[in-house]
N, C-alpha and C. Protein backbone atom coordinates (compact mmCIF):
# COMPACT_ATOMS: atom_id res chain seq x y z
N MET A 1 -10.96 61.71 43.18
CA MET A 1 -11.52 60.74 44.10
C MET A 1 -12.96 61.11 44.38
N ARG A 2 -13.82 60.13 44.36
CA ARG A 2 -15.24 60.31 44.64
C ARG A 2 -15.46 60.39 46.14
N SER A 3 -16.21 61.38 46.59
CA SER A 3 -16.49 61.52 48.01
C SER A 3 -17.73 60.71 48.38
N VAL A 4 -17.73 60.14 49.55
CA VAL A 4 -18.88 59.37 50.03
C VAL A 4 -19.24 59.84 51.43
N SER A 5 -20.46 59.53 51.84
CA SER A 5 -20.89 59.89 53.19
C SER A 5 -20.43 58.82 54.17
N GLY A 6 -20.53 59.13 55.45
CA GLY A 6 -20.17 58.16 56.47
C GLY A 6 -21.04 56.92 56.41
N LYS A 7 -22.33 57.10 56.13
CA LYS A 7 -23.25 55.96 56.03
C LYS A 7 -22.83 55.03 54.90
N GLN A 8 -22.47 55.62 53.74
CA GLN A 8 -22.06 54.81 52.60
C GLN A 8 -20.77 54.06 52.91
N LEU A 9 -19.83 54.72 53.56
CA LEU A 9 -18.56 54.07 53.90
C LEU A 9 -18.79 52.92 54.88
N CYS A 10 -19.74 53.07 55.80
CA CYS A 10 -20.07 51.98 56.73
C CYS A 10 -20.53 50.74 55.96
N LYS A 11 -21.38 50.94 54.96
CA LYS A 11 -21.87 49.81 54.17
C LYS A 11 -20.73 49.14 53.41
N ILE A 12 -19.80 49.95 52.89
CA ILE A 12 -18.68 49.41 52.12
C ILE A 12 -17.76 48.57 53.01
N VAL A 13 -17.41 49.09 54.20
CA VAL A 13 -16.50 48.34 55.06
C VAL A 13 -17.16 47.09 55.62
N GLU A 14 -18.48 47.11 55.82
CA GLU A 14 -19.17 45.91 56.28
C GLU A 14 -19.11 44.82 55.21
N ARG A 15 -19.20 45.20 53.94
CA ARG A 15 -19.07 44.23 52.85
C ARG A 15 -17.66 43.65 52.79
N LYS A 16 -16.67 44.40 53.26
CA LYS A 16 -15.27 43.95 53.25
C LYS A 16 -14.89 43.17 54.49
N GLY A 17 -15.86 42.88 55.37
CA GLY A 17 -15.58 42.02 56.51
C GLY A 17 -15.39 42.72 57.84
N TRP A 18 -15.52 44.04 57.89
CA TRP A 18 -15.39 44.77 59.15
C TRP A 18 -16.67 44.58 59.96
N ILE A 19 -16.53 44.49 61.27
CA ILE A 19 -17.66 44.22 62.17
C ILE A 19 -17.90 45.43 63.06
N LEU A 20 -19.14 45.90 63.11
CA LEU A 20 -19.50 47.03 63.96
C LEU A 20 -19.45 46.59 65.41
N LYS A 21 -18.58 47.22 66.19
CA LYS A 21 -18.43 46.87 67.60
C LYS A 21 -19.32 47.73 68.49
N ARG A 22 -19.37 49.05 68.20
CA ARG A 22 -20.20 49.93 69.01
C ARG A 22 -20.40 51.25 68.27
N VAL A 23 -21.35 52.02 68.76
CA VAL A 23 -21.58 53.36 68.26
C VAL A 23 -21.40 54.30 69.44
N THR A 24 -20.46 55.22 69.30
CA THR A 24 -20.18 56.19 70.36
C THR A 24 -20.50 57.57 69.80
N GLY A 25 -21.61 58.13 70.23
CA GLY A 25 -22.03 59.42 69.68
C GLY A 25 -22.35 59.27 68.21
N SER A 26 -21.65 60.03 67.38
CA SER A 26 -21.89 59.96 65.94
C SER A 26 -20.81 59.16 65.22
N HIS A 27 -20.01 58.40 65.96
CA HIS A 27 -18.94 57.62 65.36
C HIS A 27 -19.24 56.12 65.47
N HIS A 28 -19.14 55.45 64.35
CA HIS A 28 -19.32 54.00 64.31
C HIS A 28 -17.95 53.37 64.38
N ILE A 29 -17.74 52.49 65.35
CA ILE A 29 -16.44 51.87 65.60
C ILE A 29 -16.47 50.44 65.05
N TYR A 30 -15.57 50.18 64.09
CA TYR A 30 -15.48 48.87 63.45
C TYR A 30 -14.15 48.22 63.81
N ALA A 31 -14.14 46.89 63.79
CA ALA A 31 -12.92 46.12 64.03
C ALA A 31 -12.87 44.96 63.04
N LYS A 32 -11.66 44.50 62.77
CA LYS A 32 -11.46 43.35 61.89
C LYS A 32 -10.32 42.54 62.48
N VAL A 33 -10.52 41.26 62.63
CA VAL A 33 -9.58 40.39 63.32
C VAL A 33 -8.21 40.37 62.64
N ASP A 34 -8.16 40.15 61.34
CA ASP A 34 -6.87 39.99 60.67
C ASP A 34 -6.11 41.30 60.47
N VAL A 35 -6.76 42.44 60.63
CA VAL A 35 -6.08 43.73 60.48
C VAL A 35 -5.50 44.18 61.81
N GLY A 36 -6.21 43.94 62.90
CA GLY A 36 -5.70 44.29 64.22
C GLY A 36 -5.82 45.76 64.55
N GLU A 37 -6.63 46.50 63.81
CA GLU A 37 -6.84 47.91 64.08
C GLU A 37 -8.33 48.18 64.21
N ILE A 38 -8.66 49.37 64.69
CA ILE A 38 -10.06 49.76 64.72
C ILE A 38 -10.26 50.88 63.71
N LEU A 39 -11.49 51.05 63.29
CA LEU A 39 -11.86 52.05 62.30
C LEU A 39 -13.00 52.87 62.88
N SER A 40 -12.80 54.16 63.05
CA SER A 40 -13.82 55.04 63.61
C SER A 40 -14.36 55.93 62.50
N ILE A 41 -15.59 55.65 62.06
CA ILE A 41 -16.19 56.37 60.95
C ILE A 41 -17.19 57.39 61.47
N PRO A 42 -16.97 58.68 61.19
CA PRO A 42 -17.95 59.69 61.62
C PRO A 42 -19.17 59.66 60.71
N VAL A 43 -20.34 59.54 61.31
CA VAL A 43 -21.59 59.52 60.55
C VAL A 43 -22.40 60.74 60.99
N HIS A 44 -22.31 61.80 60.20
CA HIS A 44 -23.02 63.04 60.50
C HIS A 44 -24.08 63.26 59.44
N LYS A 45 -25.29 62.76 59.74
CA LYS A 45 -26.42 62.80 58.82
C LYS A 45 -25.99 62.17 57.51
N ASN A 46 -26.17 62.87 56.40
CA ASN A 46 -25.79 62.29 55.11
C ASN A 46 -24.71 63.14 54.45
N ARG A 47 -23.91 63.85 55.26
CA ARG A 47 -22.86 64.70 54.70
C ARG A 47 -21.66 63.86 54.26
N ASP A 48 -21.06 64.29 53.16
CA ASP A 48 -19.87 63.60 52.66
C ASP A 48 -18.69 63.82 53.60
N LEU A 49 -17.85 62.81 53.67
CA LEU A 49 -16.62 62.91 54.46
C LEU A 49 -15.63 63.80 53.72
N LYS A 50 -14.80 64.50 54.47
CA LYS A 50 -13.75 65.28 53.84
C LYS A 50 -12.75 64.32 53.22
N ILE A 51 -12.11 64.76 52.15
CA ILE A 51 -11.22 63.89 51.38
C ILE A 51 -10.08 63.34 52.23
N GLY A 52 -9.47 64.17 53.08
CA GLY A 52 -8.38 63.71 53.92
C GLY A 52 -8.81 62.65 54.91
N THR A 53 -10.00 62.85 55.49
CA THR A 53 -10.55 61.86 56.42
C THR A 53 -10.84 60.56 55.69
N LEU A 54 -11.43 60.67 54.52
CA LEU A 54 -11.77 59.49 53.72
C LEU A 54 -10.50 58.71 53.34
N ARG A 55 -9.46 59.41 52.92
CA ARG A 55 -8.21 58.73 52.53
C ARG A 55 -7.57 58.01 53.72
N ALA A 56 -7.60 58.65 54.89
CA ALA A 56 -7.01 58.03 56.08
C ALA A 56 -7.79 56.77 56.47
N LEU A 57 -9.12 56.83 56.40
CA LEU A 57 -9.94 55.67 56.73
C LEU A 57 -9.74 54.56 55.71
N MET A 58 -9.61 54.93 54.43
CA MET A 58 -9.39 53.93 53.38
C MET A 58 -8.05 53.23 53.57
N LYS A 59 -7.04 53.98 54.02
CA LYS A 59 -5.71 53.39 54.23
C LYS A 59 -5.76 52.35 55.35
N ILE A 60 -6.45 52.69 56.45
CA ILE A 60 -6.57 51.75 57.57
C ILE A 60 -7.37 50.52 57.16
N ALA A 61 -8.47 50.76 56.41
CA ALA A 61 -9.36 49.66 56.01
C ALA A 61 -8.84 48.89 54.81
N GLN A 62 -7.72 49.34 54.24
CA GLN A 62 -7.12 48.71 53.07
C GLN A 62 -8.11 48.68 51.90
N LEU A 63 -8.71 49.84 51.63
CA LEU A 63 -9.65 49.98 50.52
C LEU A 63 -8.99 50.73 49.38
N SER A 64 -9.44 50.47 48.18
CA SER A 64 -8.97 51.23 47.01
C SER A 64 -10.12 52.10 46.52
N GLU A 65 -9.83 52.96 45.56
CA GLU A 65 -10.87 53.82 45.01
C GLU A 65 -11.93 52.99 44.29
N GLU A 66 -11.53 51.83 43.77
CA GLU A 66 -12.49 50.95 43.10
C GLU A 66 -13.55 50.43 44.07
N ASP A 67 -13.19 50.29 45.34
CA ASP A 67 -14.14 49.79 46.33
C ASP A 67 -15.25 50.78 46.62
N LEU A 68 -15.02 52.06 46.31
CA LEU A 68 -16.02 53.09 46.57
C LEU A 68 -17.12 53.12 45.53
N ARG A 69 -16.96 52.39 44.45
CA ARG A 69 -17.96 52.41 43.38
C ARG A 69 -19.06 51.44 43.59
């Protein structure tokens, strides 16, 4: 699995229809009406997300590995 930074993941989920609701500290909080969940993406400079964190966020956002390309 390719690792991405928090900034890159924010751009990907915005393209998939997620809407930025607020920024709390270093976390960007996204929501999507038809999913009914929130997505909290940690954005720490340009560091890559840990694989476990990335997989959990992808599961909530209903993303596949193809979406990361």
